[in-house]
Amino acid sequence: MSNEREELYVRVDGYRVLLQDLEAVNQIIENIHEASEVLSQVRDVKEKSIDTIYENIDRLNEKLEDIEMEMPEVDGAPTVEYAPENHEEPDRIDDSVQELHSELENLQSELSDLGN
């Protein structure tokens, strides 16, 4: 036997169709990966939304307690006119809800792009 390297050629009928199918499989895998990332982002937005709801409920309860403390009692006592000493600006409500809405719109756009 000689030291020459033996070569074997194999003819594959339909190799172009096979390459197209492999490319399609590759694209499907990429789509699944992108959809998984979007789903993860949706979960994050959901968690942020829930946290925002609880934070705002806590803030609402605090404000209601403040209002209750400032309200004069009416149990037969003479009416006292209320004049606040300081005119402080109310706490600004952060834009967290608007930010969440914006994130959801971005995710919706990404999902639409995946479908195309």
PDB file of N, CA and C in Angstrom:
ATOM      1  N   MET A   1       0.834  -1.176   0.000  1.00  0.00           N
ATOM      2  CA  MET A   1       0.000   0.000   0.000  1.00  0.00           C
ATOM      3  C   MET A   1       0.878   1.237   0.000  1.00  0.00           C
ATOM      4  N   SER A   2       0.506   2.230  -0.733  1.00  0.00           N
ATOM      5  CA  SER A   2       1.344   3.415  -0.860  1.00  0.00           C
ATOM      6  C   SER A   2       1.003   4.429   0.221  1.00  0.00           C
ATOM      7  N   ASN A   3       1.899   5.370   0.406  1.00  0.00           N
ATOM      8  CA  ASN A   3       1.698   6.425   1.400  1.00  0.00           C
ATOM      9  C   ASN A   3       0.782   7.533   0.886  1.00  0.00           C
ATOM     10  N   GLU A   4       0.297   7.401  -0.283  1.00  0.00           N
ATOM     11  CA  GLU A   4      -0.577   8.423  -0.849  1.00  0.00           C
ATOM     12  C   GLU A   4      -1.917   8.430  -0.110  1.00  0.00           C
ATOM     13  N   ARG A   5      -2.405   9.577  -0.009  1.00  0.00           N
ATOM     14  CA  ARG A   5      -3.685   9.759   0.679  1.00  0.00           C
ATOM     15  C   ARG A   5      -4.818   9.417  -0.280  1.00  0.00           C
ATOM     16  N   GLU A   6      -5.704   8.597   0.199  1.00  0.00           N
ATOM     17  CA  GLU A   6      -6.825   8.207  -0.646  1.00  0.00           C
ATOM     18  C   GLU A   6      -7.987   9.151  -0.398  1.00  0.00           C
ATOM     19  N   GLU A   7      -8.602   9.553  -1.456  1.00  0.00           N
ATOM     20  CA  GLU A   7      -9.723  10.476  -1.347  1.00  0.00           C
ATOM     21  C   GLU A   7     -10.993   9.776  -1.777  1.00  0.00           C
ATOM     22  N   LEU A   8     -12.045  10.150  -1.116  1.00  0.00           N
ATOM     23  CA  LEU A   8     -13.341   9.586  -1.439  1.00  0.00           C
ATOM     24  C   LEU A   8     -14.294  10.732  -1.728  1.00  0.00           C
ATOM     25  N   TYR A   9     -14.933  10.701  -2.834  1.00  0.00           N
ATOM     26  CA  TYR A   9     -15.894  11.727  -3.205  1.00  0.00           C
ATOM     27  C   TYR A   9     -17.291  11.120  -3.113  1.00  0.00           C
ATOM     28  N   VAL A  10     -18.160  11.886  -2.476  1.00  0.00           N
ATOM     29  CA  VAL A  10     -19.537  11.435  -2.337  1.00  0.00           C
ATOM     30  C   VAL A  10     -20.436  12.490  -2.963  1.00  0.00           C
ATOM     31  N   ARG A  11     -21.300  12.039  -3.792  1.00  0.00           N
ATOM     32  CA  ARG A  11     -22.240  12.957  -4.414  1.00  0.00           C
ATOM     33  C   ARG A  11     -23.531  12.942  -3.590  1.00  0.00           C
ATOM     34  N   VAL A  12     -23.954  14.138  -3.178  1.00  0.00           N
ATOM     35  CA  VAL A  12     -25.188  14.258  -2.407  1.00  0.00           C
ATOM     36  C   VAL A  12     -26.210  14.947  -3.302  1.00  0.00           C
ATOM     37  N   ASP A  13     -27.209  14.186  -3.677  1.00  0.00           N
ATOM     38  CA  ASP A  13     -28.274  14.764  -4.488  1.00  0.00           C
ATOM     39  C   ASP A  13     -29.099  15.691  -3.601  1.00  0.00           C
ATOM     40  N   GLY A  14     -29.432  16.827  -4.131  1.00  0.00           N
ATOM     41  CA  GLY A  14     -30.277  17.753  -3.381  1.00  0.00           C
ATOM     42  C   GLY A  14     -29.542  18.479  -2.267  1.00  0.00           C
ATOM     43  N   TYR A  15     -28.232  18.661  -2.385  1.00  0.00           N
ATOM     44  CA  TYR A  15     -27.482  19.296  -1.295  1.00  0.00           C
ATOM     45  C   TYR A  15     -27.907  20.750  -1.099  1.00  0.00           C
ATOM     46  N   ARG A  16     -28.358  21.392  -2.160  1.00  0.00           N
ATOM     47  CA  ARG A  16     -28.807  22.788  -2.015  1.00  0.00           C
ATOM     48  C   ARG A  16     -30.073  22.862  -1.162  1.00  0.00           C
ATOM     49  N   VAL A  17     -30.971  21.939  -1.382  1.00  0.00           N
ATOM     50  CA  VAL A  17     -32.186  21.886  -0.560  1.00  0.00           C
ATOM     51  C   VAL A  17     -31.798  21.607   0.891  1.00  0.00           C
ATOM     52  N   LEU A  18     -30.843  20.709   1.072  1.00  0.00           N
ATOM     53  CA  LEU A  18     -30.355  20.391   2.410  1.00  0.00           C
ATOM     54  C   LEU A  18     -29.756  21.626   3.070  1.00  0.00           C
ATOM     55  N   LEU A  19     -28.968  22.402   2.337  1.00  0.00           N
ATOM     56  CA  LEU A  19     -28.380  23.634   2.879  1.00  0.00           C
ATOM     57  C   LEU A  19     -29.462  24.652   3.232  1.00  0.00           C
ATOM     58  N   GLN A  20     -30.493  24.753   2.400  1.00  0.00           N
ATOM     59  CA  GLN A  20     -31.601  25.663   2.694  1.00  0.00           C
ATOM     60  C   GLN A  20     -32.341  25.226   3.959  1.00  0.00           C
ATOM     61  N   ASP A  21     -32.551  23.926   4.098  1.00  0.00           N
ATOM     62  CA  ASP A  21     -33.217  23.412   5.293  1.00  0.00           C
ATOM     63  C   ASP A  21     -32.390  23.684   6.545  1.00  0.00           C
ATOM     64  N   LEU A  22     -31.086  23.491   6.440  1.00  0.00           N
ATOM     65  CA  LEU A  22     -30.203  23.775   7.580  1.00  0.00           C
ATOM     66  C   LEU A  22     -30.228  25.257   7.938  1.00  0.00           C
ATOM     67  N   GLU A  23     -30.277  26.116   6.940  1.00  0.00           N
ATOM     68  CA  GLU A  23     -30.363  27.556   7.186  1.00  0.00           C
ATOM     69  C   GLU A  23     -31.690  27.896   7.856  1.00  0.00           C
ATOM     70  N   ALA A  24     -32.775  27.255   7.414  1.00  0.00           N
ATOM     71  CA  ALA A  24     -34.089  27.472   8.020  1.00  0.00           C
ATOM     72  C   ALA A  24     -34.086  27.029   9.482  1.00  0.00           C
ATOM     73  N   VAL A  25     -33.463  25.882   9.757  1.00  0.00           N
ATOM     74  CA  VAL A  25     -33.359  25.400  11.140  1.00  0.00           C
ATOM     75  C   VAL A  25     -32.573  26.398  11.972  1.00  0.00           C
ATOM     76  N   ASN A  26     -31.500  26.912  11.408  1.00  0.00           N
ATOM     77  CA  ASN A  26     -30.690  27.903  12.116  1.00  0.00           C
ATOM     78  C   ASN A  26     -31.514  29.150  12.426  1.00  0.00           C
ATOM     79  N   GLN A  27     -32.313  29.606  11.480  1.00  0.00           N
ATOM     80  CA  GLN A  27     -33.162  30.793  11.680  1.00  0.00           C
ATOM     81  C   GLN A  27     -34.214  30.529  12.757  1.00  0.00           C
ATOM     82  N   ILE A  28     -34.783  29.341  12.753  1.00  0.00           N
ATOM     83  CA  ILE A  28     -35.784  28.989  13.764  1.00  0.00           C
ATOM     84  C   ILE A  28     -35.152  29.016  15.155  1.00  0.00           C
ATOM     85  N   ILE A  29     -33.953  28.492  15.275  1.00  0.00           N
ATOM     86  CA  ILE A  29     -33.258  28.501  16.563  1.00  0.00           C
ATOM     87  C   ILE A  29     -32.996  29.934  17.017  1.00  0.00           C
ATOM     88  N   GLU A  30     -32.602  30.804  16.099  1.00  0.00           N
ATOM     89  CA  GLU A  30     -32.383  32.216  16.439  1.00  0.00           C
ATOM     90  C   GLU A  30     -33.688  32.868  16.890  1.00  0.00           C
ATOM     91  N   ASN A  31     -34.800  32.554  16.200  1.00  0.00           N
ATOM     92  CA  ASN A  31     -36.103  33.107  16.586  1.00  0.00           C
ATOM     93  C   ASN A  31     -36.502  32.658  17.989  1.00  0.00           C
ATOM     94  N   ILE A  32     -36.256  31.397  18.296  1.00  0.00           N
ATOM     95  CA  ILE A  32     -36.575  30.883  19.632  1.00  0.00           C
ATOM     96  C   ILE A  32     -35.743  31.609  20.679  1.00  0.00           C
ATOM     97  N   HIS A  33     -34.480  31.819  20.380  1.00  0.00           N
ATOM     98  CA  HIS A  33     -33.596  32.520  21.313  1.00  0.00           C
ATOM     99  C   HIS A  33     -34.082  33.961  21.538  1.00  0.00           C
ATOM    100  N   GLU A  34     -34.430  34.670  20.459  1.00  0.00           N
ATOM    101  CA  GLU A  34     -34.917  36.042  20.583  1.00  0.00           C
ATOM    102  C   GLU A  34     -36.234  36.084  21.367  1.00  0.00           C
ATOM    103  N   ALA A  35     -37.136  35.149  21.079  1.00  0.00           N
ATOM    104  CA  ALA A  35     -38.410  35.110  21.796  1.00  0.00           C
ATOM    105  C   ALA A  35     -38.185  34.842  23.277  1.00  0.00           C
ATOM    106  N   SER A  36     -37.214  34.010  23.582  1.00  0.00           N
ATOM    107  CA  SER A  36     -36.882  33.719  24.976  1.00  0.00           C
ATOM    108  C   SER A  36     -36.366  34.970  25.682  1.00  0.00           C
ATOM    109  N   GLU A  37     -35.553  35.749  24.984  1.00  0.00           N
ATOM    110  CA  GLU A  37     -35.046  36.999  25.569  1.00  0.00           C
ATOM    111  C   GLU A  37     -36.181  37.985  25.812  1.00  0.00           C
ATOM    112  N   VAL A  38     -37.099  38.090  24.857  1.00  0.00           N
ATOM    113  CA  VAL A  38     -38.235  38.999  25.021  1.00  0.00           C
ATOM    114  C   VAL A  38     -39.107  38.537  26.192  1.00  0.00           C
ATOM    115  N   LEU A  39     -39.316  37.242  26.306  1.00  0.00           N
ATOM    116  CA  LEU A  39     -40.097  36.704  27.414  1.00  0.00           C
ATOM    117  C   LEU A  39     -39.440  37.050  28.750  1.00  0.00           C
ATOM    118  N   SER A  40     -38.135  36.963  28.801  1.00  0.00           N
ATOM    119  CA  SER A  40     -37.409  37.329  30.012  1.00  0.00           C
ATOM    120  C   SER A  40     -37.618  38.812  30.331  1.00  0.00           C
ATOM    121  N   GLN A  41     -37.599  39.642  29.294  1.00  0.00           N
ATOM    122  CA  GLN A  41     -37.826  41.073  29.504  1.00  0.00           C
ATOM    123  C   GLN A  41     -39.253  41.328  29.983  1.00  0.00           C
ATOM    124  N   VAL A  42     -40.206  40.577  29.446  1.00  0.00           N
ATOM    125  CA  VAL A  42     -41.598  40.722  29.875  1.00  0.00           C
ATOM    126  C   VAL A  42     -41.728  40.370  31.353  1.00  0.00           C
ATOM    127  N   ARG A  43     -41.045  39.302  31.761  1.00  0.00           N
ATOM    128  CA  ARG A  43     -41.070  38.919  33.185  1.00  0.00           C
ATOM    129  C   ARG A  43     -40.500  40.035  34.050  1.00  0.00           C
ATOM    130  N   ASP A  44     -39.406  40.651  33.580  1.00  0.00           N
ATOM    131  CA  ASP A  44     -38.808  41.751  34.338  1.00  0.00           C
ATOM    132  C   ASP A  44     -39.774  42.924  34.457  1.00  0.00           C
ATOM    133  N   VAL A  45     -40.448  43.257  33.359  1.00  0.00           N
ATOM    134  CA  VAL A  45     -41.411  44.361  33.384  1.00  0.00           C
ATOM    135  C   VAL A  45     -42.567  44.022  34.318  1.00  0.00           C
ATOM    136  N   LYS A  46     -43.005  42.766  34.291  1.00  0.00           N
ATOM    137  CA  LYS A  46     -44.091  42.342  35.176  1.00  0.00           C
ATOM    138  C   LYS A  46     -43.680  42.504  36.639  1.00  0.00           C
ATOM    139  N   GLU A  47     -42.473  42.075  36.967  1.00  0.00           N
ATOM    140  CA  GLU A  47     -41.995  42.204  38.342  1.00  0.00           C
ATOM    141  C   GLU A  47     -41.877  43.674  38.745  1.00  0.00           C
ATOM    142  N   LYS A  48     -41.366  44.512  37.828  1.00  0.00           N
ATOM    143  CA  LYS A  48     -41.260  45.943  38.119  1.00  0.00           C
ATOM    144  C   LYS A  48     -42.646  46.545  38.325  1.00  0.00           C
ATOM    145  N   SER A  49     -43.610  46.105  37.508  1.00  0.00           N
ATOM    146  CA  SER A  49     -44.978  46.618  37.628  1.00  0.00           C
ATOM    147  C   SER A  49     -45.571  46.265  38.983  1.00  0.00           C
ATOM    148  N   ILE A  50     -45.378  45.047  39.403  1.00  0.00           N
ATOM    149  CA  ILE A  50     -45.896  44.621  40.705  1.00  0.00           C
ATOM    150  C   ILE A  50     -45.230  45.421  41.820  1.00  0.00           C
ATOM    151  N   ASP A  51     -43.911  45.595  41.740  1.00  0.00           N
ATOM    152  CA  ASP A  51     -43.202  46.397  42.737  1.00  0.00           C
ATOM    153  C   ASP A  51     -43.723  47.834  42.755  1.00  0.00           C
ATOM    154  N   THR A  52     -43.966  48.386  41.572  1.00  0.00           N
ATOM    155  CA  THR A  52     -44.472  49.756  41.483  1.00  0.00           C
ATOM    156  C   THR A  52     -45.851  49.866  42.118  1.00  0.00           C
ATOM    157  N   ILE A  53     -46.689  48.875  41.881  1.00  0.00           N
ATOM    158  CA  ILE A  53     -48.028  48.885  42.487  1.00  0.00           C
ATOM    159  C   ILE A  53     -47.908  48.896  44.010  1.00  0.00           C
ATOM    160  N   TYR A  54     -47.089  48.007  44.563  1.00  0.00           N
ATOM    161  CA  TYR A  54     -46.943  47.962  46.016  1.00  0.00           C
ATOM    162  C   TYR A  54     -46.352  49.249  46.577  1.00  0.00           C
ATOM    163  N   GLU A  55     -45.353  49.807  45.882  1.00  0.00           N
ATOM    164  CA  GLU A  55     -44.760  51.067  46.343  1.00  0.00           C
ATOM    165  C   GLU A  55     -45.797  52.186  46.348  1.00  0.00           C
ATOM    166  N   ASN A  56     -46.611  52.252  45.295  1.00  0.00           N
ATOM    167  CA  ASN A  56     -47.616  53.303  45.217  1.00  0.00           C
ATOM    168  C   ASN A  56     -48.733  53.097  46.230  1.00  0.00           C
ATOM    169  N   ILE A  57     -49.082  51.864  46.519  1.00  0.00           N
ATOM    170  CA  ILE A  57     -50.077  51.597  47.570  1.00  0.00           C
ATOM    171  C   ILE A  57     -49.530  52.043  48.924  1.00  0.00           C
ATOM    172  N   ASP A  58     -48.255  51.746  49.190  1.00  0.00           N
ATOM    173  CA  ASP A  58     -47.641  52.194  50.440  1.00  0.00           C
ATOM    174  C   ASP A  58     -47.636  53.717  50.533  1.00  0.00           C
ATOM    175  N   ARG A  59     -47.294  54.382  49.422  1.00  0.00           N
ATOM    176  CA  ARG A  59     -47.279  55.847  49.419  1.00  0.00           C
ATOM    177  C   ARG A  59     -48.676  56.402  49.620  1.00  0.00           C
ATOM    178  N   LEU A  60     -49.669  55.754  48.992  1.00  0.00           N
ATOM    179  CA  LEU A  60     -51.048  56.185  49.155  1.00  0.00           C
ATOM    180  C   LEU A  60     -51.484  56.050  50.611  1.00  0.00           C
ATOM    181  N   ASN A  61     -51.152  54.936  51.239  1.00  0.00           N
ATOM    182  CA  ASN A  61     -51.495  54.735  52.648  1.00  0.00           C
ATOM    183  C   ASN A  61     -50.838  55.789  53.533  1.00  0.00           C
ATOM    184  N   GLU A  62     -49.583  56.123  53.241  1.00  0.00           N
ATOM    185  CA  GLU A  62     -48.898  57.156  54.030  1.00  0.00           C
ATOM    186  C   GLU A  62     -49.600  58.503  53.883  1.00  0.00           C
ATOM    187  N   LYS A  63     -49.970  58.860  52.656  1.00  0.00           N
ATOM    188  CA  LYS A  63     -50.656  60.135  52.420  1.00  0.00           C
ATOM    189  C   LYS A  63     -52.018  60.153  53.104  1.00  0.00           C
ATOM    190  N   LEU A  64     -52.733  59.031  53.046  1.00  0.00           N
ATOM    191  CA  LEU A  64     -54.031  58.972  53.721  1.00  0.00           C
ATOM    192  C   LEU A  64     -53.872  59.103  55.234  1.00  0.00           C
ATOM    193  N   GLU A  65     -52.828  58.520  55.791  1.00  0.00           N
ATOM    194  CA  GLU A  65     -52.561  58.668  57.223  1.00  0.00           C
ATOM    195  C   GLU A  65     -52.229  60.116  57.559  1.00  0.00           C
ATOM    196  N   ASP A  66     -51.440  60.767  56.690  1.00  0.00           N
ATOM    197  CA  ASP A  66     -51.126  62.184  56.903  1.00  0.00           C
ATOM    198  C   ASP A  66     -52.386  63.027  56.880  1.00  0.00           C
ATOM    199  N   ILE A  67     -53.274  62.758  55.927  1.00  0.00           N
ATOM    200  CA  ILE A  67     -54.533  63.498  55.827  1.00  0.00           C
ATOM    201  C   ILE A  67     -55.381  63.260  57.068  1.00  0.00           C
ATOM    202  N   GLU A  68     -55.446  62.033  57.519  1.00  0.00           N
ATOM    203  CA  GLU A  68     -56.236  61.699  58.708  1.00  0.00           C
ATOM    204  C   GLU A  68     -55.701  62.427  59.940  1.00  0.00           C
ATOM    205  N   MET A  69     -54.386  62.525  60.045  1.00  0.00           N
ATOM    206  CA  MET A  69     -53.782  63.210  61.188  1.00  0.00           C
ATOM    207  C   MET A  69     -54.081  64.711  61.151  1.00  0.00           C
ATOM    208  N   GLU A  70     -54.178  65.285  59.972  1.00  0.00           N
ATOM    209  CA  GLU A  70     -54.401  66.719  59.824  1.00  0.00           C
ATOM    210  C   GLU A  70     -55.870  67.107  59.908  1.00  0.00           C
ATOM    211  N   MET A  71     -56.772  66.169  59.745  1.00  0.00           N
ATOM    212  CA  MET A  71     -58.199  66.472  59.769  1.00  0.00           C
ATOM    213  C   MET A  71     -58.632  66.794  61.196  1.00  0.00           C
ATOM    214  N   PRO A  72     -59.363  67.889  61.340  1.00  0.00           N
ATOM    215  CA  PRO A  72     -59.848  68.214  62.694  1.00  0.00           C
ATOM    216  C   PRO A  72     -60.960  67.254  63.104  1.00  0.00           C
ATOM    217  N   GLU A  73     -61.023  67.005  64.403  1.00  0.00           N
ATOM    218  CA  GLU A  73     -62.089  66.142  64.915  1.00  0.00           C
ATOM    219  C   GLU A  73     -63.348  66.973  65.091  1.00  0.00           C
ATOM    220  N   VAL A  74     -64.522  66.372  64.852  1.00  0.00           N
ATOM    221  CA  VAL A  74     -65.769  67.114  64.838  1.00  0.00           C
ATOM    222  C   VAL A  74     -66.689  66.735  65.996  1.00  0.00           C
ATOM    223  N   ASP A  75     -66.262  65.931  66.944  1.00  0.00           N
ATOM    224  CA  ASP A  75     -67.119  65.430  68.017  1.00  0.00           C
ATOM    225  C   ASP A  75     -67.591  66.553  68.934  1.00  0.00           C
ATOM    226  N   GLY A  76     -68.434  67.443  68.452  1.00  0.00           N
ATOM    227  CA  GLY A  76     -69.006  68.490  69.277  1.00  0.00           C
ATOM    228  C   GLY A  76     -68.028  69.602  69.612  1.00  0.00           C
ATOM    229  N   ALA A  77     -66.804  69.516  69.184  1.00  0.00           N
ATOM    230  CA  ALA A  77     -65.820  70.563  69.462  1.00  0.00           C
ATOM    231  C   ALA A  77     -66.081  71.736  68.534  1.00  0.00           C
ATOM    232  N   PRO A  78     -65.704  72.927  68.982  1.00  0.00           N
ATOM    233  CA  PRO A  78     -65.895  74.083  68.102  1.00  0.00           C
ATOM    234  C   PRO A  78     -65.062  73.918  66.820  1.00  0.00           C
ATOM    235  N   THR A  79     -65.605  74.436  65.760  1.00  0.00           N
ATOM    236  CA  THR A  79     -64.933  74.323  64.482  1.00  0.00           C
ATOM    237  C   THR A  79     -63.723  75.241  64.458  1.00  0.00           C
ATOM    238  N   VAL A  80     -62.626  74.677  64.066  1.00  0.00           N
ATOM    239  CA  VAL A  80     -61.396  75.447  63.974  1.00  0.00           C
ATOM    240  C   VAL A  80     -61.023  75.553  62.501  1.00  0.00           C
ATOM    241  N   GLU A  81     -60.735  76.766  62.084  1.00  0.00           N
ATOM    242  CA  GLU A  81     -60.361  76.951  60.692  1.00  0.00           C
ATOM    243  C   GLU A  81     -58.924  76.482  60.505  1.00  0.00           C
ATOM    244  N   TYR A  82     -58.740  75.708  59.509  1.00  0.00           N
ATOM    245  CA  TYR A  82     -57.412  75.135  59.261  1.00  0.00           C
ATOM    246  C   TYR A  82     -56.658  76.008  58.278  1.00  0.00           C
ATOM    247  N   ALA A  83     -55.488  76.443  58.706  1.00  0.00           N
ATOM    248  CA  ALA A  83     -54.600  77.199  57.825  1.00  0.00           C
ATOM    249  C   ALA A  83     -53.218  76.581  57.957  1.00  0.00           C
ATOM    250  N   PRO A  84     -52.748  75.919  56.932  1.00  0.00           N
ATOM    251  CA  PRO A  84     -51.442  75.284  57.034  1.00  0.00           C
ATOM    252  C   PRO A  84     -50.338  76.327  57.194  1.00  0.00           C
ATOM    253  N   GLU A  85     -49.381  75.966  58.014  1.00  0.00           N
ATOM    254  CA  GLU A  85     -48.281  76.888  58.276  1.00  0.00           C
ATOM    255  C   GLU A  85     -47.343  76.971  57.078  1.00  0.00           C
ATOM    256  N   ASN A  86     -47.048  75.846  56.507  1.00  0.00           N
ATOM    257  CA  ASN A  86     -46.150  75.810  55.353  1.00  0.00           C
ATOM    258  C   ASN A  86     -46.918  75.328  54.142  1.00  0.00           C
ATOM    259  N   HIS A  87     -46.671  75.954  53.059  1.00  0.00           N
ATOM    260  CA  HIS A  87     -47.253  75.482  51.808  1.00  0.00           C
ATOM    261  C   HIS A  87     -46.186  74.705  51.055  1.00  0.00           C
ATOM    262  N   GLU A  88     -46.008  73.487  51.507  1.00  0.00           N
ATOM    263  CA  GLU A  88     -45.018  72.636  50.850  1.00  0.00           C
ATOM    264  C   GLU A  88     -45.632  72.024  49.611  1.00  0.00           C
ATOM    265  N   GLU A  89     -44.795  71.834  48.608  1.00  0.00           N
ATOM    266  CA  GLU A  89     -45.276  71.158  47.418  1.00  0.00           C
ATOM    267  C   GLU A  89     -45.446  69.679  47.728  1.00  0.00           C
ATOM    268  N   PRO A  90     -46.507  69.090  47.236  1.00  0.00           N
ATOM    269  CA  PRO A  90     -46.681  67.653  47.467  1.00  0.00           C
ATOM    270  C   PRO A  90     -45.546  66.876  46.807  1.00  0.00           C
ATOM    271  N   ASP A  91     -45.267  65.723  47.390  1.00  0.00           N
ATOM    272  CA  ASP A  91     -44.236  64.875  46.798  1.00  0.00           C
ATOM    273  C   ASP A  91     -44.598  64.597  45.355  1.00  0.00           C
ATOM    274  N   ARG A  92     -43.611  64.681  44.515  1.00  0.00           N
ATOM    275  CA  ARG A  92     -43.849  64.369  43.107  1.00  0.00           C
ATOM    276  C   ARG A  92     -43.940  62.862  42.939  1.00  0.00           C
ATOM    277  N   ILE A  93     -44.930  62.461  42.207  1.00  0.00           N
ATOM    278  CA  ILE A  93     -45.073  61.041  41.918  1.00  0.00           C
ATOM    279  C   ILE A  93     -44.133  60.732  40.774  1.00  0.00           C
ATOM    280  N   ASP A  94     -43.299  59.742  40.998  1.00  0.00           N
ATOM    281  CA  ASP A  94     -42.309  59.426  39.967  1.00  0.00           C
ATOM    282  C   ASP A  94     -42.987  58.901  38.708  1.00  0.00           C
ATOM    283  N   ASP A  95     -42.240  58.885  37.650  1.00  0.00           N
ATOM    284  CA  ASP A  95     -42.764  58.460  36.356  1.00  0.00           C
ATOM    285  C   ASP A  95     -42.628  56.961  36.142  1.00  0.00           C
ATOM    286  N   SER A  96     -42.581  56.190  37.222  1.00  0.00           N
ATOM    287  CA  SER A  96     -42.331  54.757  37.081  1.00  0.00           C
ATOM    288  C   SER A  96     -43.406  54.060  36.254  1.00  0.00           C
ATOM    289  N   VAL A  97     -44.649  54.470  36.391  1.00  0.00           N
ATOM    290  CA  VAL A  97     -45.714  53.833  35.625  1.00  0.00           C
ATOM    291  C   VAL A  97     -45.550  54.157  34.142  1.00  0.00           C
ATOM    292  N   GLN A  98     -45.198  55.400  33.847  1.00  0.00           N
ATOM    293  CA  GLN A  98     -44.980  55.763  32.450  1.00  0.00           C
ATOM    294  C   GLN A  98     -43.776  55.021  31.883  1.00  0.00           C
ATOM    295  N   GLU A  99     -42.744  54.833  32.688  1.00  0.00           N
ATOM    296  CA  GLU A  99     -41.579  54.087  32.237  1.00  0.00           C
ATOM    297  C   GLU A  99     -41.946  52.636  31.935  1.00  0.00           C
ATOM    298  N   LEU A 100     -42.755  52.030  32.797  1.00  0.00           N
ATOM    299  CA  LEU A 100     -43.200  50.659  32.565  1.00  0.00           C
ATOM    300  C   LEU A 100     -44.021  50.568  31.287  1.00  0.00           C
ATOM    301  N   HIS A 101     -44.888  51.549  31.069  1.00  0.00           N
ATOM    302  CA  HIS A 101     -45.691  51.563  29.846  1.00  0.00           C
ATOM    303  C   HIS A 101     -44.784  51.645  28.620  1.00  0.00           C
ATOM    304  N   SER A 102     -43.780  52.469  28.699  1.00  0.00           N
ATOM    305  CA  SER A 102     -42.831  52.606  27.593  1.00  0.00           C
ATOM    306  C   SER A 102     -42.092  51.299  27.340  1.00  0.00           C
ATOM    307  N   GLU A 103     -41.666  50.633  28.407  1.00  0.00           N
ATOM    308  CA  GLU A 103     -40.984  49.346  28.268  1.00  0.00           C
ATOM    309  C   GLU A 103     -41.893  48.317  27.607  1.00  0.00           C
ATOM    310  N   LEU A 104     -43.169  48.304  28.002  1.00  0.00           N
ATOM    311  CA  LEU A 104     -44.118  47.367  27.400  1.00  0.00           C
ATOM    312  C   LEU A 104     -44.311  47.652  25.905  1.00  0.00           C
ATOM    313  N   GLU A 105     -44.356  48.928  25.550  1.00  0.00           N
ATOM    314  CA  GLU A 105     -44.489  49.264  24.133  1.00  0.00           C
ATOM    315  C   GLU A 105     -43.262  48.795  23.357  1.00  0.00           C
ATOM    316  N   ASN A 106     -42.074  48.961  23.939  1.00  0.00           N
ATOM    317  CA  ASN A 106     -40.849  48.493  23.277  1.00  0.00           C
ATOM    318  C   ASN A 106     -40.873  46.978  23.099  1.00  0.00           C
ATOM    319  N   LEU A 107     -41.313  46.272  24.132  1.00  0.00           N
ATOM    320  CA  LEU A 107     -41.397  44.819  24.047  1.00  0.00           C
ATOM    321  C   LEU A 107     -42.415  44.392  22.992  1.00  0.00           C
ATOM    322  N   GLN A 108     -43.536  45.108  22.923  1.00  0.00           N
ATOM    323  CA  GLN A 108     -44.546  44.791  21.934  1.00  0.00           C
ATOM    324  C   GLN A 108     -43.965  44.971  20.532  1.00  0.00           C
ATOM    325  N   SER A 109     -43.192  46.016  20.342  1.00  0.00           N
ATOM    326  CA  SER A 109     -42.555  46.252  19.049  1.00  0.00           C
ATOM    327  C   SER A 109     -41.587  45.128  18.717  1.00  0.00           C
ATOM    328  N   GLU A 110     -40.789  44.697  19.695  1.00  0.00           N
ATOM    329  CA  GLU A 110     -39.848  43.601  19.481  1.00  0.00           C
ATOM    330  C   GLU A 110     -40.590  42.316  19.112  1.00  0.00           C
ATOM    331  N   LEU A 111     -41.707  42.049  19.797  1.00  0.00           N
ATOM    332  CA  LEU A 111     -42.481  40.851  19.485  1.00  0.00           C
ATOM    333  C   LEU A 111     -43.044  40.921  18.070  1.00  0.00           C
ATOM    334  N   SER A 112     -43.492  42.097  17.659  1.00  0.00           N
ATOM    335  CA  SER A 112     -43.999  42.251  16.297  1.00  0.00           C
ATOM    336  C   SER A 112     -42.897  41.996  15.279  1.00  0.00           C
ATOM    337  N   ASP A 113     -41.693  42.461  15.579  1.00  0.00           N
ATOM    338  CA  ASP A 113     -40.568  42.237  14.676  1.00  0.00           C
ATOM    339  C   ASP A 113     -40.233  40.759  14.570  1.00  0.00           C
ATOM    340  N   LEU A 114     -40.383  40.024  15.671  1.00  0.00           N
ATOM    341  CA  LEU A 114     -40.105  38.585  15.638  1.00  0.00           C
ATOM    342  C   LEU A 114     -41.078  37.854  14.732  1.00  0.00           C
ATOM    343  N   GLY A 115     -42.320  38.309  14.689  1.00  0.00           N
ATOM    344  CA  GLY A 115     -43.339  37.658  13.878  1.00  0.00           C
ATOM    345  C   GLY A 115     -43.114  37.860  12.386  1.00  0.00           C
ATOM    346  N   ASN A 116     -42.334  38.866  12.044  1.00  0.00           N
ATOM    347  CA  ASN A 116     -42.122  39.148  10.611  1.00  0.00           C
ATOM    348  C   ASN A 116     -40.888  38.481  10.081  1.00  0.00           C
TER     349      ASN A 116
END
